[in-house]
Amino acid sequence: MSRVLALAPTRLVYVADLHGSTTCWTKLLQLAHRLKPDCIIVGGDLLGPGVDPKLLKRWETMANDMLSPEIPITMSPGNYDPPDIDEVLKGCRRFIYAVGQVVILNGRHEMVSCDYVNSSPFNTFRELAEEKLLELLEDAISQLSSVENAVFNFHAPPYGTRLDVVGEAMHVGSRAVRTVIERYQPKLSLHGHIHESANIDKIKRTVCVNPGSQHHRGILNYALIELDEEVSCELASI
């Protein structure tokens, strides 16, 4: 009689909107050293305007010193990251540049990423009108072999959820992002961008997560996620 051994859940630590905070980066590495996740996913905004992109090299050295090389670190820029950050990030061998490719998480889940957000009043580096953003998202998703088990890593949160609220219940997320989540229903969708809207929500079968950000206070917000038949997620800060 044969036995089928159940695989352990894929364990992820997800953060976003570090905005160049080395204090938060240090806390992330310490957290990962303790938890030993299968992967660390770092969403934009990594640095932001006025921060020397070479800071990523320093972060890479810190990761090499503090963390096992067996724990992969994926990174993607965000709307506040200027274009010159990308080549520096691609040159960091310790980090996986997530934009423009399918990243395999723990050998089991495909992830696609998008660094652009919907238009805002702030005219940041990576913004698109919703129809253009939708085209970009569709192009990324078309690279997946199986959407059902996939992870979306899109900096903009979906419109009209607990993840995109500013001020007194004003929703500022992306309608294009919501459209593709509703259309394809991946297992998990990771977001950032709206610092004050740390929350977990669900669109149909898809668990959607925004850990929020308190980088200006040196506090690391993070999501601890386990991917199995179901998705479990816990938000915390240190």
Protein backbone atom coordinates (compact mmCIF):
# COMPACT_ATOMS: atom_id res chain seq x y z
CA MET A 1 0.00 0.00 0.00
CA SER A 2 1.49 3.32 -1.07
CA ARG A 3 1.51 6.47 1.04
CA VAL A 4 1.28 10.03 -0.26
CA LEU A 5 3.36 12.37 1.86
CA ALA A 6 1.86 15.82 2.29
CA LEU A 7 4.17 18.70 1.44
CA ALA A 8 4.71 21.34 4.08
CA PRO A 9 3.09 24.71 3.36
CA THR A 10 5.15 27.34 1.58
CA ARG A 11 6.07 29.96 4.17
CA LEU A 12 6.60 33.55 3.04
CA VAL A 13 7.60 36.79 4.73
CA TYR A 14 6.27 39.75 2.75
CA VAL A 15 7.07 43.43 3.26
CA ALA A 16 6.62 46.55 1.17
CA ASP A 17 7.39 50.26 1.18
CA LEU A 18 10.69 50.21 3.06
CA HIS A 19 11.64 53.57 1.49
CA GLY A 20 15.33 53.18 2.21
CA SER A 21 14.98 52.40 5.92
CA THR A 22 18.05 50.41 6.94
CA THR A 23 16.49 50.05 10.39
CA CYS A 24 13.54 48.19 8.83
CA TRP A 25 15.87 46.17 6.58
CA THR A 26 17.89 45.05 9.60
CA LYS A 27 14.71 44.01 11.40
CA LEU A 28 13.60 42.06 8.32
CA LEU A 29 16.85 40.10 8.19
CA GLN A 30 16.69 39.38 11.91
CA LEU A 31 13.09 38.22 11.56
CA ALA A 32 13.92 35.94 8.63
CA HIS A 33 16.92 34.50 10.48
CA ARG A 34 14.55 33.52 13.29
CA LEU A 35 11.59 32.31 11.21
CA LYS A 36 13.52 30.73 8.34
CA PRO A 37 10.83 31.25 5.67
CA ASP A 38 10.97 29.60 2.26
CA CYS A 39 11.21 33.04 0.66
CA ILE A 40 11.31 36.75 1.49
CA ILE A 41 9.32 38.97 -0.85
CA VAL A 42 10.13 42.68 -0.78
CA GLY A 43 7.68 44.85 -2.69
CA GLY A 44 8.24 48.46 -3.78
CA ASP A 45 8.92 51.17 -2.80
CA LEU A 46 12.44 50.01 -1.99
CA LEU A 47 14.25 53.34 -1.72
CA GLY A 48 12.45 56.32 -3.16
CA PRO A 49 13.71 59.63 -4.58
CA GLY A 50 16.89 61.10 -3.16
CA VAL A 51 18.17 57.78 -1.81
CA ASP A 52 21.42 56.55 -3.37
CA PRO A 53 20.67 53.28 -5.24
CA LYS A 54 24.02 51.99 -3.95
CA LEU A 55 22.24 51.48 -0.63
CA LEU A 56 21.00 48.23 -2.19
CA LYS A 57 24.62 47.03 -2.32
CA ARG A 58 24.92 47.69 1.40
CA TRP A 59 21.69 45.80 2.00
CA GLU A 60 23.05 42.92 -0.06
CA THR A 61 26.19 42.76 2.09
CA MET A 62 24.03 42.76 5.21
CA ALA A 63 21.89 39.92 3.82
CA ASN A 64 25.00 37.89 3.03
CA ASP A 65 26.31 38.43 6.56
CA MET A 66 23.07 37.86 8.46
CA LEU A 67 21.03 35.36 6.51
CA SER A 68 21.44 31.88 5.05
CA PRO A 69 21.88 31.93 1.25
CA GLU A 70 19.24 29.18 1.12
CA ILE A 71 16.53 31.78 1.80
CA PRO A 72 15.85 33.61 -1.49
CA ILE A 73 15.00 37.31 -1.47
CA THR A 74 12.87 38.70 -4.28
CA MET A 75 12.68 42.45 -4.83
CA SER A 76 10.64 44.70 -7.07
CA PRO A 77 10.64 48.51 -7.31
CA GLY A 78 7.60 50.70 -6.81
CA ASN A 79 6.25 53.97 -8.10
CA TYR A 80 8.55 56.09 -5.91
CA ASP A 81 11.70 54.29 -7.10
CA PRO A 82 13.51 56.17 -9.89
CA PRO A 83 14.55 54.21 -13.00
CA ASP A 84 18.25 54.08 -12.06
CA ILE A 85 17.49 51.70 -9.21
CA ASP A 86 16.73 48.80 -11.58
CA GLU A 87 20.22 48.18 -12.96
CA VAL A 88 21.73 48.37 -9.49
CA LEU A 89 19.16 45.88 -8.21
CA LYS A 90 19.80 43.52 -11.13
CA GLY A 91 23.50 43.66 -10.27
CA CYS A 92 22.90 42.41 -6.71
CA ARG A 93 23.41 38.66 -6.99
CA ARG A 94 21.80 37.98 -3.61
CA PHE A 95 18.47 39.47 -4.76
CA ILE A 96 16.04 38.22 -7.39
CA TYR A 97 14.76 41.08 -9.55
CA ALA A 98 11.11 40.05 -9.79
CA VAL A 99 9.76 42.35 -12.52
CA GLY A 100 9.47 40.98 -16.04
CA GLN A 101 9.83 37.30 -15.18
CA VAL A 102 8.05 34.44 -13.47
CA VAL A 103 9.63 33.68 -10.09
CA ILE A 104 9.08 30.19 -8.68
CA LEU A 105 8.42 30.20 -4.94
CA ASN A 106 9.56 27.06 -3.12
CA GLY A 107 9.33 25.10 -6.36
CA ARG A 108 5.52 25.19 -6.15
CA HIS A 109 4.03 28.62 -6.86
CA GLU A 110 4.61 30.96 -9.79
CA MET A 111 4.76 34.68 -9.03
CA VAL A 112 4.49 37.64 -11.39
CA SER A 113 5.17 41.23 -10.38
CA CYS A 114 4.30 44.77 -11.44
CA ASP A 115 6.05 47.91 -10.23
CA TYR A 116 3.59 50.42 -11.72
CA VAL A 117 0.53 51.92 -10.04
CA ASN A 118 -2.54 53.78 -11.27
CA SER A 119 -2.29 57.53 -11.79
CA SER A 120 -2.07 59.73 -8.70
CA PRO A 121 -1.83 63.47 -7.97
CA PHE A 122 1.85 63.02 -7.08
CA ASN A 123 3.20 62.25 -10.58
CA THR A 124 5.69 59.63 -9.39
CA PHE A 125 8.11 57.64 -11.51
CA ARG A 126 5.97 54.58 -12.30
CA GLU A 127 2.38 55.52 -12.92
CA LEU A 128 0.02 54.56 -15.74
CA ALA A 129 -3.56 55.25 -16.70
CA GLU A 130 -5.78 52.31 -15.77
CA GLU A 131 -6.16 51.03 -19.33
CA LYS A 132 -2.37 50.99 -19.85
CA LEU A 133 -1.82 49.39 -16.45
CA LEU A 134 -4.32 46.69 -17.36
CA GLU A 135 -2.31 45.89 -20.50
CA LEU A 136 0.89 45.63 -18.44
CA LEU A 137 -0.77 43.32 -15.92
CA GLU A 138 -2.27 41.10 -18.61
CA ASP A 139 1.13 40.78 -20.25
CA ALA A 140 2.71 39.68 -16.95
CA ILE A 141 -0.07 37.20 -16.20
CA SER A 142 0.20 35.68 -19.69
CA GLN A 143 3.62 34.32 -18.69
CA LEU A 144 2.10 32.02 -16.06
CA SER A 145 1.56 28.35 -16.76
CA SER A 146 -1.03 28.00 -13.96
CA VAL A 147 -2.89 31.02 -12.62
CA GLU A 148 -4.90 29.04 -10.07
CA ASN A 149 -1.86 28.35 -7.90
CA ALA A 150 -0.08 31.62 -8.64
CA VAL A 151 0.89 34.68 -6.63
CA PHE A 152 0.36 38.21 -7.92
CA ASN A 153 2.87 40.76 -6.59
CA PHE A 154 1.45 44.10 -7.74
CA HIS A 155 2.46 47.29 -5.93
CA ALA A 156 -0.93 48.94 -6.41
CA PRO A 157 -3.72 47.49 -4.25
CA PRO A 158 -7.08 46.59 -5.79
CA TYR A 159 -9.71 49.30 -5.78
CA GLY A 160 -12.57 49.20 -3.31
CA THR A 161 -11.00 46.92 -0.69
CA ARG A 162 -9.60 47.16 2.82
CA LEU A 163 -6.16 47.57 1.23
CA ASP A 164 -6.58 50.94 -0.52
CA VAL A 165 -8.22 53.27 2.00
CA VAL A 166 -6.88 56.74 2.79
CA GLY A 167 -8.41 59.49 4.91
CA GLU A 168 -12.07 59.05 5.69
CA ALA A 169 -12.86 55.90 3.70
CA MET A 170 -11.55 57.14 0.34
CA HIS A 171 -10.55 54.27 -1.97
CA VAL A 172 -7.55 55.06 -4.16
CA GLY A 173 -6.46 51.63 -5.43
CA SER A 174 -6.33 50.36 -8.98
CA ARG A 175 -9.39 49.22 -10.90
CA ALA A 176 -7.11 47.39 -13.32
CA VAL A 177 -5.57 45.38 -10.48
CA ARG A 178 -9.02 44.50 -9.19
CA THR A 179 -10.10 43.47 -12.69
CA VAL A 180 -7.31 40.94 -13.14
CA ILE A 181 -7.76 39.51 -9.65
CA GLU A 182 -11.46 38.98 -10.31
CA ARG A 183 -10.76 37.58 -13.76
CA TYR A 184 -7.97 35.12 -12.88
CA GLN A 185 -8.46 34.46 -9.14
CA PRO A 186 -4.89 33.55 -8.11
CA LYS A 187 -4.27 31.94 -4.76
CA LEU A 188 -2.62 35.05 -3.28
CA SER A 189 -2.19 38.71 -4.25
CA LEU A 190 0.44 40.92 -2.58
CA HIS A 191 0.26 44.72 -2.51
CA GLY A 192 1.63 47.86 -0.86
CA HIS A 193 1.62 51.55 -1.85
CA ILE A 194 -1.03 52.71 0.66
CA HIS A 195 0.95 52.79 3.89
CA GLU A 196 -1.96 53.44 6.23
CA SER A 197 -4.13 50.63 4.85
CA ALA A 198 -2.51 47.55 6.38
CA ASN A 199 -5.09 44.81 6.04
CA ILE A 200 -6.15 41.46 4.61
CA ASP A 201 -9.12 41.10 2.28
CA LYS A 202 -10.56 38.59 -0.15
CA ILE A 203 -11.74 38.97 -3.74
CA LYS A 204 -13.61 35.81 -4.68
CA ARG A 205 -11.12 33.03 -3.81
CA THR A 206 -8.04 35.27 -3.74
CA VAL A 207 -6.48 36.36 -0.44
CA CYS A 208 -5.21 39.94 -0.84
CA VAL A 209 -2.60 41.42 1.51
CA ASN A 210 -1.17 44.86 2.22
CA PRO A 211 1.20 44.87 5.23
CA GLY A 212 1.26 48.68 5.34
CA SER A 213 4.34 50.68 6.24
CA GLN A 214 5.70 52.63 9.20
CA HIS A 215 9.20 53.05 7.77
CA HIS A 216 9.39 56.67 8.93
CA ARG A 217 9.19 55.44 12.53
CA GLY A 218 11.68 52.61 12.05
CA ILE A 219 8.90 50.06 12.53
CA LEU A 220 8.78 47.06 10.19
CA ASN A 221 5.31 45.97 9.13
CA TYR A 222 5.24 42.46 7.69
CA ALA A 223 2.96 39.63 6.64
CA LEU A 224 3.70 36.03 7.56
CA ILE A 225 1.95 33.86 4.99
CA GLU A 226 1.55 30.11 4.58
CA LEU A 227 0.46 28.78 1.19
CA ASP A 228 -1.17 25.37 1.18
CA GLU A 229 -4.59 24.19 0.03
CA GLU A 230 -5.76 27.28 1.91
CA VAL A 231 -3.89 30.53 2.57
CA SER A 232 -3.20 31.68 6.10
CA CYS A 233 -1.85 35.17 6.77
CA GLU A 234 -0.89 37.14 9.84
CA LEU A 235 0.03 40.83 9.91
CA ALA A 236 2.47 42.05 12.56
CA SER A 237 5.04 44.78 13.25
CA ILE A 238 8.34 45.01 15.09
